[in-house]
N, C-alpha and C. Protein backbone atom coordinates (compact mmCIF):
# COMPACT_ATOMS: atom_id res chain seq x y z
N MET A 1 0.77 -1.31 0.00
CA MET A 1 0.29 -0.08 -0.20
C MET A 1 0.71 1.57 0.17
N LYS A 2 0.70 2.47 -0.53
CA LYS A 2 1.21 3.37 -1.05
C LYS A 2 1.26 3.87 0.18
N ALA A 3 1.94 5.12 0.66
CA ALA A 3 1.45 5.98 1.25
C ALA A 3 1.42 7.27 0.84
N THR A 4 0.68 8.03 1.46
CA THR A 4 0.06 9.28 0.82
C THR A 4 0.72 10.59 1.42
N LYS A 5 1.20 11.83 0.98
CA LYS A 5 1.15 12.64 1.37
C LYS A 5 0.48 13.60 1.64
N THR A 6 0.58 13.98 3.04
CA THR A 6 -0.05 15.00 3.63
C THR A 6 0.25 16.31 2.95
N PRO A 7 -0.49 17.00 3.07
CA PRO A 7 -0.40 18.70 2.16
C PRO A 7 0.71 19.18 3.41
N LYS A 8 1.83 20.38 3.23
CA LYS A 8 2.36 20.81 3.89
C LYS A 8 1.17 22.12 4.40
N ARG A 9 1.66 22.36 5.45
CA ARG A 9 1.17 23.90 5.84
C ARG A 9 1.65 25.09 5.70
N SER A 10 0.92 25.99 4.54
CA SER A 10 1.64 27.13 4.72
C SER A 10 2.28 28.12 5.79
N ARG A 11 3.12 28.35 6.03
CA ARG A 11 3.42 28.93 7.68
C ARG A 11 3.57 30.56 7.11
N PRO A 12 3.09 31.62 7.24
CA PRO A 12 3.36 33.05 7.08
C PRO A 12 4.51 33.40 6.95
N THR A 13 4.85 33.81 5.91
CA THR A 13 6.48 34.67 5.87
C THR A 13 6.90 35.23 6.94
N LYS A 14 8.39 34.59 7.07
CA LYS A 14 8.89 35.18 8.22
C LYS A 14 9.68 36.47 7.38
N LEU A 15 9.64 38.12 8.25
CA LEU A 15 9.84 39.39 7.92
C LEU A 15 11.25 39.04 7.91
N LYS A 16 11.81 39.76 6.56
CA LYS A 16 13.57 39.46 6.57
C LYS A 16 13.80 40.53 7.72
N VAL A 17 12.98 41.83 7.64
CA VAL A 17 13.74 43.34 8.22
C VAL A 17 12.43 42.98 9.34
N PRO A 18 13.17 43.34 10.56
CA PRO A 18 11.59 43.26 11.47
C PRO A 18 11.39 45.22 11.47
N LEU A 19 9.77 45.25 12.21
CA LEU A 19 9.72 46.74 11.66
C LEU A 19 9.73 47.32 13.52
N PRO A 20 9.95 48.47 13.37
CA PRO A 20 10.67 48.95 14.16
C PRO A 20 8.79 48.98 15.14
N ARG A 21 8.75 49.45 16.94
CA ARG A 21 7.48 49.07 17.78
C ARG A 21 6.61 50.15 17.07
N ALA A 22 5.09 49.81 16.83
CA ALA A 22 4.53 51.43 16.57
C ALA A 22 4.27 51.69 17.99
N ARG A 23 4.40 53.41 17.99
CA ARG A 23 3.56 54.08 18.89
C ARG A 23 2.22 54.14 19.01
N GLU A 24 1.89 54.46 20.02
CA GLU A 24 0.19 54.24 20.98
C GLU A 24 0.14 55.23 19.67
N GLY A 25 -1.25 55.93 19.39
CA GLY A 25 -1.65 56.82 18.20
C GLY A 25 -1.03 57.73 17.44
N ARG A 26 -0.11 56.92 17.03
CA ARG A 26 0.58 57.18 15.14
C ARG A 26 -0.14 56.67 14.27
N ARG A 27 -0.38 57.39 13.10
CA ARG A 27 -1.16 57.26 11.89
C ARG A 27 -0.44 56.64 11.26
N LEU A 28 0.90 56.90 11.59
CA LEU A 28 2.24 56.52 10.01
C LEU A 28 2.48 55.18 10.36
N SER A 29 2.91 54.61 9.69
CA SER A 29 2.99 53.03 10.15
C SER A 29 5.00 53.19 10.25
N PRO A 30 5.38 52.04 11.01
CA PRO A 30 6.75 52.21 12.11
C PRO A 30 7.83 52.87 10.64
N GLY A 31 8.57 53.45 11.19
CA GLY A 31 9.59 53.67 10.21
C GLY A 31 9.67 54.82 8.98
N ILE A 32 8.10 55.50 8.63
CA ILE A 32 8.16 56.62 7.78
C ILE A 32 7.85 57.53 8.82
N ILE A 33 8.88 58.55 8.73
CA ILE A 33 8.05 60.06 9.17
C ILE A 33 7.52 61.24 7.96
N ARG A 34 7.17 62.17 8.38
CA ARG A 34 6.85 63.00 7.59
C ARG A 34 7.32 64.25 7.69
N LEU A 35 7.51 65.07 6.27
CA LEU A 35 8.82 65.98 6.29
C LEU A 35 8.16 67.29 5.62
N ASP A 36 7.43 68.05 5.97
CA ASP A 36 6.88 69.67 6.11
C ASP A 36 7.87 70.57 5.65
N TYR A 37 8.86 71.05 5.16
CA TYR A 37 10.17 72.20 4.85
C TYR A 37 9.78 73.17 3.99
N GLU A 38 10.13 74.10 3.58
CA GLU A 38 10.01 75.08 2.27
C GLU A 38 10.23 73.97 1.55
N ARG A 39 11.53 73.60 1.09
CA ARG A 39 12.16 73.43 0.22
C ARG A 39 12.29 71.43 0.35
N ALA A 40 11.94 70.62 1.01
CA ALA A 40 11.39 69.56 0.83
C ALA A 40 10.25 69.03 2.12
N THR A 41 9.02 68.55 1.09
CA THR A 41 7.71 68.37 1.40
C THR A 41 7.21 66.56 0.98
N GLY A 42 7.77 65.56 2.31
CA GLY A 42 7.35 64.11 1.51
C GLY A 42 7.17 63.38 2.80
N TYR A 43 7.56 61.87 2.25
CA TYR A 43 7.97 61.18 3.46
C TYR A 43 9.31 60.73 3.52
N MET A 44 9.36 60.72 4.62
CA MET A 44 11.16 59.66 4.86
C MET A 44 10.68 58.18 5.44
N VAL A 45 11.59 57.13 4.71
CA VAL A 45 10.97 55.81 5.26
C VAL A 45 13.01 55.21 5.30
N ARG A 46 13.08 55.45 7.03
CA ARG A 46 14.53 54.70 7.65
C ARG A 46 13.84 53.62 8.23
N LEU A 47 15.53 52.23 7.93
CA LEU A 47 15.16 50.91 8.59
C LEU A 47 15.96 50.17 8.81
N ALA A 48 16.31 49.47 9.93
CA ALA A 48 16.80 48.68 10.11
C ALA A 48 18.49 49.45 10.39
N TYR A 49 18.47 49.89 12.00
CA TYR A 49 19.39 50.45 12.13
C TYR A 49 20.88 49.97 12.38
N LYS A 50 22.12 50.25 11.74
CA LYS A 50 23.40 49.48 12.00
C LYS A 50 24.63 50.37 12.83
N LEU A 51 25.35 49.97 13.88
CA LEU A 51 26.47 50.96 14.70
C LEU A 51 26.88 50.96 13.53
N THR A 52 28.03 52.40 13.10
CA THR A 52 28.54 52.38 12.92
C THR A 52 29.86 53.33 13.38
N LYS A 53 31.17 53.57 13.62
CA LYS A 53 32.35 54.26 13.94
C LYS A 53 31.89 55.35 14.68
N THR A 54 30.85 56.11 13.71
CA THR A 54 30.71 57.73 14.39
C THR A 54 28.31 57.45 14.82
N GLY A 55 28.22 56.05 14.92
CA GLY A 55 26.89 56.11 15.45
C GLY A 55 26.29 55.30 14.45
N TYR A 56 24.62 55.40 15.04
CA TYR A 56 23.85 54.63 14.39
C TYR A 56 23.45 55.22 12.96
N ARG A 57 23.52 54.31 12.38
CA ARG A 57 22.94 54.99 10.86
C ARG A 57 21.61 54.27 10.19
N PRO A 58 21.14 54.04 9.83
CA PRO A 58 20.34 53.83 9.10
C PRO A 58 20.75 52.89 7.59
N LYS A 59 19.82 51.19 8.19
CA LYS A 59 21.06 50.28 6.81
C LYS A 59 19.74 50.84 5.44
N PHE A 60 18.46 50.80 5.46
CA PHE A 60 17.68 50.87 4.43
C PHE A 60 17.44 52.64 4.81
N ARG A 61 17.48 53.57 3.28
CA ARG A 61 16.68 54.68 3.59
C ARG A 61 16.08 55.10 2.33
N ALA A 62 15.03 56.04 1.95
CA ALA A 62 14.34 56.45 0.60
C ALA A 62 13.59 57.45 1.56
N TYR A 63 13.53 58.73 0.57
CA TYR A 63 12.69 59.85 0.74
C TYR A 63 11.33 59.41 -0.79
N PHE A 64 10.66 60.18 -0.33
CA PHE A 64 9.38 60.16 -1.31
C PHE A 64 8.62 61.50 -1.45
N SER A 65 8.93 62.24 -2.23
CA SER A 65 8.57 63.67 -2.87
C SER A 65 7.13 63.89 -2.75
N ASP A 66 6.01 64.50 -2.34
CA ASP A 66 5.01 64.94 -2.37
C ASP A 66 4.98 65.16 -4.23
N VAL A 67 5.46 66.04 -4.74
CA VAL A 67 6.32 66.72 -6.05
C VAL A 67 5.79 65.57 -7.19
N LYS A 68 7.23 64.76 -6.53
CA LYS A 68 7.76 63.73 -7.89
C LYS A 68 6.69 62.61 -7.76
N TYR A 69 5.74 62.38 -6.58
CA TYR A 69 4.62 60.74 -6.67
C TYR A 69 3.23 61.58 -6.46
N GLY A 70 3.34 62.60 -7.29
CA GLY A 70 1.33 63.52 -7.04
C GLY A 70 0.73 64.11 -6.22
N GLY A 71 1.33 64.33 -5.18
CA GLY A 71 0.89 64.28 -4.04
C GLY A 71 1.16 63.99 -2.70
N LYS A 72 0.01 64.26 -1.24
CA LYS A 72 0.83 63.25 -0.21
C LYS A 72 0.21 62.01 -0.08
N GLN A 73 -0.86 61.78 -0.78
CA GLN A 73 -1.13 60.58 -0.23
C GLN A 73 -0.64 59.32 -1.41
N LYS A 74 -0.44 60.06 -2.64
CA LYS A 74 0.66 58.89 -3.25
C LYS A 74 1.92 58.67 -2.88
N ALA A 75 2.45 59.96 -2.18
CA ALA A 75 3.52 59.80 -1.80
C ALA A 75 3.66 58.47 -0.98
N LEU A 76 2.85 58.69 0.12
CA LEU A 76 2.60 57.81 1.18
C LEU A 76 2.27 56.53 0.64
N ALA A 77 1.44 56.26 -0.52
CA ALA A 77 1.32 54.92 -0.91
C ALA A 77 2.94 54.39 -1.31
N ALA A 78 3.38 55.27 -1.88
CA ALA A 78 4.44 54.40 -2.51
C ALA A 78 5.77 54.25 -1.20
N ALA A 79 5.75 55.05 -0.36
CA ALA A 79 6.11 55.51 1.15
C ALA A 79 6.12 53.60 1.52
N GLU A 80 4.73 53.70 1.87
CA GLU A 80 4.37 52.28 1.92
C GLU A 80 4.48 50.45 1.62
N ALA A 81 4.39 51.23 0.22
CA ALA A 81 5.00 49.61 -0.79
C ALA A 81 6.32 49.59 -0.41
N TRP A 82 7.28 50.47 -0.66
CA TRP A 82 8.83 50.52 -0.46
C TRP A 82 9.16 49.82 0.98
N LEU A 83 8.13 50.29 1.68
CA LEU A 83 8.76 49.27 3.13
C LEU A 83 8.45 48.04 3.39
N ASP A 84 6.75 47.50 2.93
CA ASP A 84 7.13 46.62 2.52
C ASP A 84 7.47 45.67 2.03
N ALA A 85 7.77 45.91 0.91
CA ALA A 85 9.15 45.05 0.10
C ALA A 85 10.16 45.15 0.64
N VAL A 86 10.76 46.12 0.92
CA VAL A 86 12.00 46.16 2.07
C VAL A 86 11.32 45.02 3.35
N THR A 87 10.57 45.26 4.10
CA THR A 87 10.44 43.96 5.10
C THR A 87 10.40 42.89 4.64
N ARG A 88 9.32 42.50 3.69
CA ARG A 88 9.43 40.93 3.34
C ARG A 88 11.14 40.54 2.27
N THR A 89 11.37 41.05 1.69
CA THR A 89 12.44 40.70 0.57
C THR A 89 13.96 40.94 1.51
N GLY A 90 14.17 41.96 2.48
CA GLY A 90 15.06 42.49 3.16
C GLY A 90 16.33 43.02 2.07
N LYS A 91 15.74 43.50 0.89
CA LYS A 91 16.59 44.44 -0.15
C LYS A 91 15.32 45.68 -0.28
N ALA A 92 16.59 46.92 -0.60
CA ALA A 92 15.61 47.71 -0.91
C ALA A 92 14.98 47.87 -2.42
N PRO A 93 14.37 47.77 -3.10
CA PRO A 93 13.73 47.91 -4.60
C PRO A 93 14.46 48.92 -4.87
N LYS A 94 14.80 49.08 -6.42
CA LYS A 94 14.96 50.51 -7.03
C LYS A 94 14.17 51.46 -7.31
N LEU A 95 14.59 52.59 -6.84
CA LEU A 95 13.42 53.46 -7.00
C LEU A 95 13.51 54.32 -8.39
N PRO A 96 12.57 54.78 -8.79
CA PRO A 96 12.52 55.29 -10.03
C PRO A 96 12.91 56.52 -10.57
N ARG A 97 14.26 56.56 -11.63
CA ARG A 97 14.99 58.30 -11.47
C ARG A 97 13.78 58.93 -11.77
N GLY A 98 14.01 60.25 -11.52
CA GLY A 98 13.27 61.10 -11.35
C GLY A 98 14.16 62.51 -11.89
């Protein structure tokens, strides 16, 4: 009699890069901050800090400008998508050149 294979259970994929802890009452995802300056308006994503000779530096970082992405909401959506890709794969995806 042949042994039948039991189907493997699919486990949720483990994050390659852990997200920082979320703070209470915060509307943005952990790792994303909003910049509202005269010359820079957009979202900055920084993730996975590492120790260097001069202090801690983010391993992954990206800036999503409101002007380049067509507004606050689209820039935030692009930042969220980039953050999701980094946490899943452990590598920063290429950003479009503008």
